[in-house]
Protein backbone atom coordinates (compact mmCIF):
# COMPACT_ATOMS: atom_id res chain seq x y z
CA MET A 1 87.24 113.47 157.49
CA SER A 2 90.74 114.37 158.52
CA ARG A 3 93.03 115.90 155.93
CA PRO A 4 96.73 115.07 155.31
CA LEU A 5 99.07 117.46 157.10
CA VAL A 6 102.87 117.80 156.99
CA THR A 7 105.06 119.82 159.35
CA ALA A 8 108.35 121.67 158.89
CA VAL A 9 109.36 123.25 162.15
CA ALA A 10 112.51 124.08 163.99
CA PRO A 11 113.71 121.14 166.22
CA ARG A 12 112.81 122.97 169.44
CA TRP A 13 109.09 122.89 168.53
CA GLU A 14 108.91 119.17 167.54
CA SER A 15 107.58 117.92 170.91
CA GLN A 16 104.98 120.71 171.19
CA VAL A 17 103.76 120.13 167.62
CA ALA A 18 103.49 116.40 168.27
CA GLY A 19 101.32 117.13 171.34
CA LEU A 20 99.28 119.73 169.38
CA LEU A 21 98.44 117.21 166.64
CA ALA A 22 97.75 114.31 168.94
CA GLY A 23 94.01 113.56 168.84
CA SER A 24 93.23 116.07 166.09
CA VAL A 25 90.05 115.23 164.13
CA GLN A 26 90.69 117.74 161.38
CA ALA A 27 94.11 116.63 160.18
CA ARG A 28 96.37 113.61 160.29
CA LEU A 29 100.16 113.90 160.27
CA VAL A 30 101.60 112.17 157.21
CA ARG A 31 105.16 113.39 157.29
CA ARG A 32 107.65 115.49 159.27
CA CYS A 33 109.92 117.40 156.96
CA ALA A 34 113.39 118.15 158.16
CA ASP A 35 113.95 121.27 156.05
CA LEU A 36 112.40 123.49 153.50
CA PRO A 37 113.60 121.65 150.36
CA GLU A 38 112.01 118.45 151.62
CA LEU A 39 108.82 120.33 152.40
CA LEU A 40 108.65 121.82 148.87
CA GLY A 41 109.16 118.33 147.38
CA VAL A 42 106.42 116.82 149.45
CA THR A 43 103.90 119.52 148.60
CA ARG A 44 104.69 119.45 144.88
CA ALA A 45 104.11 115.74 144.95
CA GLY A 46 100.55 116.35 146.25
CA LEU A 47 101.05 114.45 149.51
CA ALA A 48 99.61 117.13 151.80
CA GLU A 49 96.68 119.49 151.95
CA ILE A 50 97.79 121.47 155.06
CA VAL A 51 101.32 122.57 155.94
CA LEU A 52 102.33 123.66 159.45
CA VAL A 53 105.54 125.69 159.58
CA SER A 54 107.29 127.51 162.43
CA HIS A 55 108.35 131.17 162.25
CA ASP A 56 112.08 130.22 162.58
CA LEU A 57 112.17 127.61 159.78
CA ARG A 58 115.44 128.09 157.96
CA GLY A 59 115.00 129.50 154.45
CA LEU A 60 111.33 130.41 154.82
CA ASP A 61 110.79 133.58 152.80
CA ARG A 62 108.23 135.09 150.48
CA ASP A 63 109.35 133.04 147.52
CA ALA A 64 109.04 129.77 149.52
CA VAL A 65 105.57 130.84 150.76
CA ALA A 66 104.50 131.62 147.22
CA ALA A 67 105.80 128.22 146.03
CA LEU A 68 103.89 126.40 148.80
CA GLU A 69 100.68 128.26 148.00
CA GLY A 70 101.25 127.53 144.32
CA ALA A 71 101.28 123.86 145.15
CA GLY A 72 97.69 124.20 146.39
CA VAL A 73 98.20 123.72 150.08
CA HIS A 74 96.91 125.66 153.07
CA LEU A 75 99.79 127.25 155.02
CA VAL A 76 99.52 127.67 158.80
CA GLY A 77 102.25 129.51 160.69
CA LEU A 78 103.31 128.53 164.21
CA HIS A 79 104.77 131.07 166.69
CA PRO A 80 104.92 131.66 170.43
CA ARG A 81 101.74 133.31 171.63
CA ASP A 82 103.54 136.25 173.26
CA ASP A 83 106.06 136.86 170.46
CA MET A 84 104.39 139.37 168.21
CA ASP A 85 107.58 139.97 166.28
CA ALA A 86 107.44 136.36 165.14
CA ALA A 87 103.82 136.80 164.19
CA ARG A 88 104.62 139.93 162.16
CA SER A 89 107.53 138.15 160.47
CA LEU A 90 105.25 135.30 159.32
CA GLN A 91 102.60 137.65 158.15
CA ARG A 92 105.02 139.82 156.17
CA ARG A 93 106.31 136.70 154.43
CA GLY A 94 102.77 136.02 153.27
CA VAL A 95 101.63 133.37 155.80
CA ALA A 96 97.91 134.01 156.15
CA VAL A 97 96.83 131.93 159.17
CA LEU A 98 98.75 131.82 162.46
CA VAL A 99 98.40 129.73 165.62
CA GLY A 100 100.23 129.81 168.91
CA THR A 101 102.71 127.15 169.95
CA ASP A 102 100.84 126.70 173.23
CA SER A 103 97.43 126.24 171.64
CA SER A 104 95.28 123.29 172.40
CA THR A 105 94.24 120.58 169.97
CA THR A 106 90.69 121.92 170.04
CA GLU A 107 91.89 125.42 169.11
CA LEU A 108 93.94 124.03 166.24
CA ASP A 109 90.99 122.02 164.97
CA THR A 110 88.87 125.14 165.00
CA VAL A 111 91.45 126.97 162.91
CA LEU A 112 91.83 124.03 160.44
CA ALA A 113 88.03 123.72 160.14
CA SER A 114 87.92 127.35 158.91
CA LEU A 115 90.21 126.50 156.02
CA GLY A 116 88.71 125.43 152.72
CA HIS A 117 88.75 121.88 151.41
CA ARG A 118 90.51 120.97 148.18
CA SER A 119 87.93 119.61 145.81
CA ALA A 120 88.38 116.75 143.43
CA GLY A 121 88.88 119.16 140.58
CA GLY A 122 91.88 120.69 142.36
CA ALA A 123 90.21 124.00 143.33
CA ASP A 124 90.72 125.08 146.88
CA GLY A 125 90.34 128.13 149.02
CA GLU A 126 86.58 127.99 149.61
CA ALA A 127 85.39 127.78 153.16
CA PRO A 128 82.24 125.85 154.18
CA GLY A 129 80.31 129.10 154.12
CA GLY A 130 81.40 129.91 150.59
CA GLU A 131 83.89 132.63 151.62
CA LEU A 132 87.42 132.74 150.31
CA THR A 133 90.24 132.14 152.77
CA HIS A 134 93.72 133.62 152.74
CA GLY A 135 92.27 136.88 151.43
CA GLU A 136 92.68 135.76 147.81
CA ASP A 137 90.41 136.17 144.82
CA ARG A 138 90.58 133.07 142.66
CA ASP A 139 89.54 135.08 139.62
CA GLU A 140 92.62 137.28 139.98
CA PRO A 141 95.90 136.07 138.47
CA ARG A 142 98.50 135.43 141.16
CA PRO A 143 100.96 138.12 139.95
CA ALA A 144 98.26 140.77 140.34
CA THR A 145 97.53 139.87 143.97
CA ARG A 146 98.92 142.47 146.32
CA VAL A 147 100.78 140.24 148.72
CA GLY A 148 99.81 140.56 152.38
CA ARG A 149 97.30 143.45 151.92
CA ALA A 150 94.23 141.53 153.12
CA SER A 151 95.44 138.29 154.60
CA LEU A 152 93.69 136.59 157.51
CA LEU A 153 95.25 136.24 160.93
CA VAL A 154 93.75 133.51 163.08
CA GLU A 155 95.27 133.48 166.55
CA PRO A 156 94.02 131.59 169.62
CA ALA A 157 92.75 133.69 172.45
CA ALA A 158 93.85 133.08 176.03
CA GLU A 159 92.33 130.04 177.56
CA GLY A 160 89.71 130.49 180.22
CA PRO A 161 89.39 128.76 183.55
CA GLY A 162 87.83 125.76 181.92
CA GLY A 163 90.89 125.15 179.76
CA SER A 164 89.12 125.83 176.43
CA GLY A 165 89.91 128.85 174.35
CA GLU A 166 88.16 130.73 171.60
CA VAL A 167 89.72 131.47 168.27
CA ALA A 168 89.69 135.11 167.26
CA GLY A 169 90.00 135.95 163.56
CA ALA A 170 90.80 139.43 162.23
CA PRO A 171 92.62 140.94 159.22
CA ALA A 172 96.29 140.42 159.84
CA ASP A 173 97.34 144.00 158.99
CA ASP A 174 94.80 145.45 161.33
CA ALA A 175 95.66 143.09 164.15
CA LEU A 176 99.36 143.71 163.80
CA GLY A 177 99.05 147.46 163.46
CA GLY A 178 99.76 147.57 159.73
CA GLY A 179 97.86 149.07 156.84
CA SER A 180 95.12 147.08 155.17
CA GLY A 181 95.14 149.15 152.01
CA ARG A 182 92.04 151.08 153.08
CA ALA A 183 92.59 154.37 154.91
CA PRO A 184 90.54 154.58 158.11
CA ASP A 185 88.54 157.74 158.85
CA GLY A 186 90.79 160.70 159.43
CA ALA A 187 93.90 158.93 158.13
CA PRO A 188 95.80 160.05 155.01
CA PRO A 189 95.09 157.96 151.87
CA GLU A 190 97.57 155.38 150.87
CA GLY A 191 100.14 156.26 148.27
CA GLN A 192 99.52 155.79 144.56
CA VAL A 193 101.93 153.78 142.41
CA VAL A 194 102.88 155.32 139.04
CA VAL A 195 104.90 153.02 136.80
CA VAL A 196 107.03 154.44 134.01
CA TRP A 197 107.39 151.92 131.17
CA GLY A 198 108.09 151.88 127.49
CA PRO A 199 109.52 149.90 124.56
CA HIS A 200 113.19 149.08 123.99
CA GLY A 201 115.67 151.75 123.07
CA SER A 202 116.73 155.04 124.60
CA THR A 203 113.19 156.34 125.05
CA GLY A 204 113.94 158.48 128.12
CA ARG A 205 112.08 156.33 130.63
CA THR A 206 114.50 157.15 133.43
CA THR A 207 114.58 160.84 132.57
CA VAL A 208 110.83 160.97 132.62
CA ALA A 209 110.62 158.96 135.89
CA VAL A 210 113.17 161.12 137.67
CA ASN A 211 111.71 164.45 136.64
CA LEU A 212 108.11 163.33 137.08
CA ALA A 213 108.90 162.28 140.65
CA ALA A 214 110.67 165.63 141.23
CA GLU A 215 107.61 167.54 139.99
CA LEU A 216 105.27 165.56 142.17
CA ALA A 217 107.43 165.95 145.29
CA SER A 218 107.34 168.78 147.80
CA PRO A 219 108.30 169.11 151.50
CA THR A 220 104.67 168.27 152.39
CA VAL A 221 104.06 165.66 149.65
CA PRO A 222 106.67 162.89 149.90
CA VAL A 223 107.48 160.92 146.79
CA LEU A 224 109.48 157.70 146.63
CA LEU A 225 111.30 156.98 143.36
CA VAL A 226 112.04 153.24 142.98
CA ASP A 227 114.46 151.94 140.35
CA ALA A 228 113.16 148.40 139.58
CA ASP A 229 114.91 148.00 136.20
CA THR A 230 116.53 144.58 136.18
CA TYR A 231 118.38 145.15 132.90
CA GLY A 232 119.95 148.62 133.25
CA ALA A 233 119.24 150.62 136.40
CA GLY A 234 120.13 154.28 135.94
CA VAL A 235 118.34 156.37 138.51
CA ALA A 236 121.34 156.52 140.83
CA GLN A 237 123.60 157.80 138.04
CA ALA A 238 121.03 160.35 136.89
CA LEU A 239 120.83 161.83 140.39
CA ALA A 240 124.53 161.41 141.28
CA VAL A 241 123.78 158.95 144.06
CA LEU A 242 126.42 156.29 144.76
CA ASP A 243 125.14 153.01 143.41
CA GLU A 244 127.03 151.19 146.22
CA SER A 245 124.50 152.56 148.66
CA PRO A 246 121.85 150.16 149.88
CA GLY A 247 118.71 150.32 147.73
CA VAL A 248 116.18 148.07 146.15
CA ALA A 249 118.42 144.96 146.66
CA ALA A 250 118.61 145.56 150.42
CA ALA A 251 114.90 146.25 150.57
CA ALA A 252 114.21 143.02 148.70
CA ARG A 253 116.35 141.00 151.12
CA ALA A 254 114.48 142.50 154.05
CA ALA A 255 111.17 141.73 152.36
CA ASP A 256 112.17 138.13 151.74
CA GLN A 257 112.99 137.72 155.42
CA GLY A 258 109.82 139.47 156.57
CA THR A 259 111.66 142.35 158.31
CA LEU A 260 110.74 145.15 155.89
CA ASP A 261 108.54 147.90 157.33
CA ALA A 262 108.03 151.57 156.77
CA GLY A 263 110.89 152.56 159.05
CA SER A 264 113.46 150.28 157.46
CA LEU A 265 112.33 151.34 153.98
CA LEU A 266 112.87 155.01 154.83
CA ARG A 267 116.37 154.17 156.10
CA LEU A 268 117.22 152.59 152.76
CA ALA A 269 115.87 155.46 150.68
CA PRO A 270 118.00 158.66 150.94
CA GLN A 271 116.39 162.04 150.38
CA VAL A 272 117.99 163.79 147.35
CA ARG A 273 115.80 166.91 147.56
CA PRO A 274 113.00 168.02 149.88
CA GLY A 275 110.25 165.45 149.69
CA LEU A 276 111.97 163.24 147.10
CA LEU A 277 113.26 159.83 148.37
CA VAL A 278 115.20 157.44 146.10
CA LEU A 279 115.49 153.67 146.28
CA THR A 280 118.43 153.02 144.04
CA GLY A 281 118.46 150.07 141.61
CA LEU A 282 120.64 147.00 141.21
CA PRO A 283 124.34 147.95 140.84
CA ARG A 284 124.86 145.21 138.23
CA ALA A 285 122.46 143.60 135.78
CA ASP A 286 123.64 140.06 136.73
CA ARG A 287 122.10 140.52 140.20
CA TRP A 288 118.55 140.50 138.84
CA THR A 289 117.74 137.37 140.81
CA GLU A 290 117.75 139.45 144.03
CA LEU A 291 114.65 141.38 142.92
CA ARG A 292 111.85 138.88 142.72
CA GLU A 293 108.22 139.83 142.21
CA THR A 294 107.13 138.76 145.70
CA ALA A 295 109.74 140.97 147.28
CA LEU A 296 108.91 143.92 145.03
CA ALA A 297 105.22 143.57 145.86
CA ASP A 298 106.08 143.93 149.55
CA ILE A 299 108.38 146.94 148.82
CA LEU A 300 105.57 148.67 146.95
CA GLN A 301 103.11 147.86 149.73
CA GLN A 302 105.36 149.51 152.33
CA ALA A 303 106.10 152.37 149.93
CA ARG A 304 102.37 153.20 149.77
CA ALA A 305 102.49 153.84 153.51
CA VAL A 306 105.47 156.27 153.48
CA ALA A 307 104.89 158.28 150.31
CA ARG A 308 101.95 159.96 148.64
CA TRP A 309 103.32 159.03 145.23
CA VAL A 310 105.49 156.04 144.33
CA VAL A 311 107.17 156.43 140.96
CA VAL A 312 108.65 153.13 139.65
CA ASP A 313 111.10 152.93 136.72
CA ILE A 314 111.03 149.42 135.17
CA ALA A 315 112.63 147.54 132.33
CA PRO A 316 110.93 147.39 128.91
CA THR A 317 110.84 143.58 128.70
CA VAL A 318 107.59 142.01 129.96
CA GLU A 319 107.57 138.62 128.23
CA GLN A 320 106.37 135.76 130.40
CA ASP A 321 109.83 134.18 130.41
CA GLU A 322 108.88 131.36 132.74
CA GLU A 323 106.83 129.80 129.92
CA ILE A 324 110.07 128.91 128.10
CA SER A 325 111.75 127.60 131.25
CA PHE A 326 111.90 123.97 132.21
CA ASP A 327 111.55 124.92 135.87
CA THR A 328 108.41 127.04 136.26
CA SER A 329 109.38 127.94 139.85
CA ALA A 330 112.66 129.47 138.71
CA PRO A 331 113.23 133.24 139.18
CA ARG A 332 111.82 135.40 136.46
CA ARG A 333 113.96 138.24 135.24
CA ASN A 334 110.84 140.03 133.98
CA GLY A 335 108.92 139.32 137.13
CA ALA A 336 109.79 142.69 138.69
CA ALA A 337 108.38 144.58 135.68
CA LEU A 338 105.24 142.44 135.56
CA CYS A 339 104.68 142.87 139.26
CA ALA A 340 105.04 146.67 139.13
CA LEU A 341 102.61 146.88 136.25
CA GLN A 342 100.09 144.76 138.14
CA GLU A 343 100.49 146.89 141.28
CA ALA A 344 100.23 150.19 139.33
CA ASP A 345 97.54 152.72 139.82
CA GLN A 346 98.69 154.64 136.70
CA VAL A 347 101.10 153.75 133.97
CA VAL A 348 103.13 156.23 131.92
CA VAL A 349 104.22 154.70 128.61
CA VAL A 350 107.23 156.47 127.10
CA GLY A 351 108.36 156.35 123.45
CA THR A 352 110.51 158.54 121.16
CA GLY A 353 109.39 160.90 118.42
CA ASP A 354 110.99 159.19 115.43
CA PRO A 355 109.75 156.55 113.01
CA VAL A 356 111.56 153.68 114.73
CA GLY A 357 110.54 154.80 118.20
CA LEU A 358 106.91 155.32 117.16
CA GLN A 359 106.69 151.88 115.67
CA ARG A 360 107.99 150.32 118.86
CA LEU A 361 105.61 152.47 120.91
CA VAL A 362 102.62 151.26 118.91
CA ARG A 363 103.60 147.63 119.51
CA CYS A 364 104.17 148.35 123.16
CA LEU A 365 100.74 149.96 123.55
CA ASP A 366 99.19 146.76 122.19
CA GLN A 367 100.58 144.92 125.21
CA VAL A 368 99.17 147.34 127.85
CA PRO A 369 95.80 145.59 128.37
CA ALA A 370 97.51 142.24 128.84
CA VAL A 371 99.93 143.38 131.53
CA THR A 372 97.98 145.97 133.58
CA GLY A 373 94.55 147.21 134.22
CA ALA A 374 95.71 150.73 135.24
CA PRO A 375 94.99 153.75 133.06
CA ALA A 376 97.85 154.67 130.77
CA GLN A 377 99.29 158.06 129.79
CA VAL A 378 101.32 158.16 126.54
CA VAL A 379 104.40 160.34 126.48
CA VAL A 380 106.58 160.92 123.44
CA THR A 381 110.04 162.31 124.11
CA ARG A 382 112.72 163.91 121.93
CA VAL A 383 110.09 165.47 119.67
CA ARG A 384 111.69 167.52 116.90
CA PRO A 385 110.94 168.31 113.23
CA GLY A 386 113.92 166.40 111.77
CA PRO A 387 112.76 162.77 111.87
CA VAL A 388 108.99 163.36 111.24
CA GLY A 389 108.78 166.67 109.35
CA PRO A 390 107.21 170.05 110.14
CA ASP A 391 104.71 170.35 112.95
CA PRO A 392 105.96 167.19 114.67
CA GLY A 393 103.45 167.34 117.56
CA ARG A 394 100.44 167.13 115.29
CA ARG A 395 102.03 164.44 113.08
CA ILE A 396 102.92 162.25 116.07
CA THR A 397 99.48 162.62 117.60
CA ASP A 398 97.75 161.73 114.33
CA THR A 399 99.99 158.67 113.86
CA LEU A 400 99.29 157.29 117.37
CA ARG A 401 95.59 158.01 117.03
CA ARG A 402 95.47 156.13 113.73
CA PHE A 403 97.60 153.13 114.57
CA ALA A 404 97.18 152.78 118.34
CA GLY A 405 93.87 154.46 119.10
CA VAL A 406 95.44 156.91 121.47
CA GLY A 407 93.32 159.97 122.11
CA GLN A 408 95.78 162.11 124.10
CA VAL A 409 99.55 162.27 123.66
CA HIS A 410 101.92 164.24 125.81
CA VAL A 411 104.91 165.47 123.78
CA VAL A 412 108.22 166.38 125.33
CA PRO A 413 110.27 168.55 122.93
CA GLU A 414 113.93 167.84 122.35
CA ASP A 415 115.92 169.96 124.83
CA ARG A 416 119.36 168.47 124.77
CA ASP A 417 121.19 171.40 126.38
CA ALA A 418 118.92 171.39 129.43
CA LEU A 419 119.06 167.61 129.84
CA ASP A 420 122.84 167.52 129.46
CA ALA A 421 123.23 170.25 132.11
CA ALA A 422 120.99 168.36 134.50
CA LEU A 423 122.82 165.06 133.93
CA LEU A 424 126.26 166.72 134.35
CA HIS A 425 125.42 167.92 137.84
CA GLY A 426 123.12 165.08 138.89
CA HIS A 427 120.17 167.41 139.15
CA THR A 428 116.57 167.38 137.98
CA LEU A 429 115.33 169.85 135.37
CA ALA A 430 113.47 171.71 138.11
CA GLU A 431 116.87 172.38 139.80
CA SER A 432 119.06 173.14 136.77
CA ARG A 433 116.83 174.55 134.00
CA THR A 434 113.51 175.66 135.40
CA SER A 435 112.39 177.39 132.18
CA SER A 436 113.29 174.56 129.78
CA GLN A 437 110.66 173.31 127.40
CA ALA A 438 111.21 169.72 128.51
CA ARG A 439 110.66 170.69 132.17
CA ALA A 440 107.43 172.51 131.27
CA ALA A 441 106.12 169.42 129.42
CA ILE A 442 106.92 167.02 132.27
CA ARG A 443 105.40 169.36 134.81
CA THR A 444 102.20 169.44 132.81
CA LEU A 445 102.26 165.65 132.85
CA ALA A 446 102.72 165.74 136.65
CA HIS A 447 99.65 167.93 136.97
CA LEU A 448 97.64 165.39 134.93
CA VAL A 449 98.96 162.43 136.93
CA SER A 450 98.24 164.04 140.30
CA GLY A 451 94.91 165.53 139.24
CA ARG A 452 96.05 169.09 140.06
CA ARG A 453 94.78 171.93 137.94
CA GLY A 454 96.99 174.53 136.36
CA SER A 455 99.82 174.73 133.92
CA ALA A 456 103.54 175.01 134.25
CA GLU A 457 104.85 178.25 135.80
CA ALA A 458 107.48 178.76 133.19
CA ALA A 459 106.18 180.28 130.00
CA PRO A 460 106.86 177.77 127.19
CA GLY A 461 108.44 178.76 123.93
CA ARG A 462 106.43 179.32 120.79
CA TRP A 463 107.23 175.86 119.37
CA TRP A 464 105.97 174.11 122.47
CA ALA A 465 102.86 176.34 122.77
CA ARG A 466 101.92 175.53 119.18
CA GLY A 467 102.56 171.80 119.60
CA ARG A 468 100.56 171.65 122.89
CA ALA A 469 97.54 173.46 121.38
CA ARG A 470 97.38 171.02 118.47
CA THR A 471 97.86 167.92 120.55
C-alpha cells in the first residue's frame, strides 16, 4: 500500500520530482509545499508519512529537520548525484536518507521500501526486518541522541546498461569521509567531552573550566574550551579574548546551515596557549536563541574530531522550560545546557564551600541522574575555615557524604591573590601562579579526569596537604 508523501523542493527540481514520483508504488503525492513553513504545517497536521526535500530548500536547517522528525515523518533528501557538497550539507543538517535527482522511480521505491511504516499506535522507525532506520534508538530520549553520528545514507548507484540501478546503503559519515564516532584501527580515539556545571551563584564554574582545560592541554594534546553558557558567558573575559571575535554563535550558524566541519571549527577557535583552543561564548545574554541544542550537538560532534578533550562551560539552569511554553517547538534557553549534559562523557559539578553553596550543591547533585548518564566529579571551591569552621576539608566532605551520598570530594582552597593575578592579566593559574594551592588542586582534578597518574608538581602548602589527606 502506497504511503502519503509531500514534497518541498526548490522550483528548479519540480519537473524532475514529478517524473520521479510518477508511477511510484511505494508513495502517493498528496501535496506540494511551496516553502518550509507550509511543509511544517502539513506534517504537524499528520497529512504525510514521507517528506521529500531538496538540499537547497530555503530555511532548511537542523532545527527544521528536528521539527520534521518530531512530527513522526520519514525525511528523504534530494540532491544532484554528482554534487557531494550538497549531500554533505543535507547529512550535516541531520537528513538521514538521500537520493539523487536523476534516480529512477524504481530506485526511489527501493529506498522508500527500506523506511519503516508508521503503525496505528503512532510508533515508527521500524523497518520490515525489525531494524531501526535513521540510526535512532527509540528508547533514547531525543535530546540525548548525538545528531548525525550514525545516520544512514542511501544513495542510488550508477545505472547499468539495462537502465536499472542498485541502491547502495552505508553509514553516512563513513560514505562522506566523516567520523562515525568509532575510531578505526590505527586512528586516534575521538575526543572526550567534559562538562563543567553547578548550581546558581558564583561557584567558580568558569574558573574551574578554564584552568581544567589549561591543565589538560599541551602542544601534543589539543583541548577545546567551549563557552556554552546562555545566561552569562565569561570565558572570553577570563582569558582576555575579545568577545567580538567569532565564537560559538558563528559555529552554531554554520551548524544550522550544514557547513560546519573540523576545518571551519578550528578557524573559529583561536589558540590562547599551546594546545588550548577557545570557542568564545555569546557576547550578550539576549542572543541565547542563536545557540540551540541541535546546533550545539553538531559543534560538540566536530569538536571531538579536532581535540582530545572538549571542556564545556554551561549555565546552571537545566529546567525543562519548554514544558511551560505554549509552543513546544519554540527555542529552549536551557536546551544548550541539557544538550551538553547529554553529550558529556564526564561531568564536573562545582559548588562553593559555605553553608549556602553546599545546600545548593546538594540540591544540584539530586538532579544529576535526571539530566546525564555520565560519571560526575564533585568539586568544592573557595574552601576556607571561616564559613564552616576548623578543618574545612573534612567538614565539607562529611556533609556531602551524609546529605548527597558523595564518596569523593575535590576541594579547591581559597586562593584569592593567585586568582586575582590571573584574572588581571587574562592568564590561567598555570601561567601566572604555578605554585598556588588552587592550581595544585585543579591539576590533581585534571589528572583524575584524564586518567593520568601522579600528583601536582608544585608542593602544596600544609593546609592543602592536610585537607587532601583527610578528603
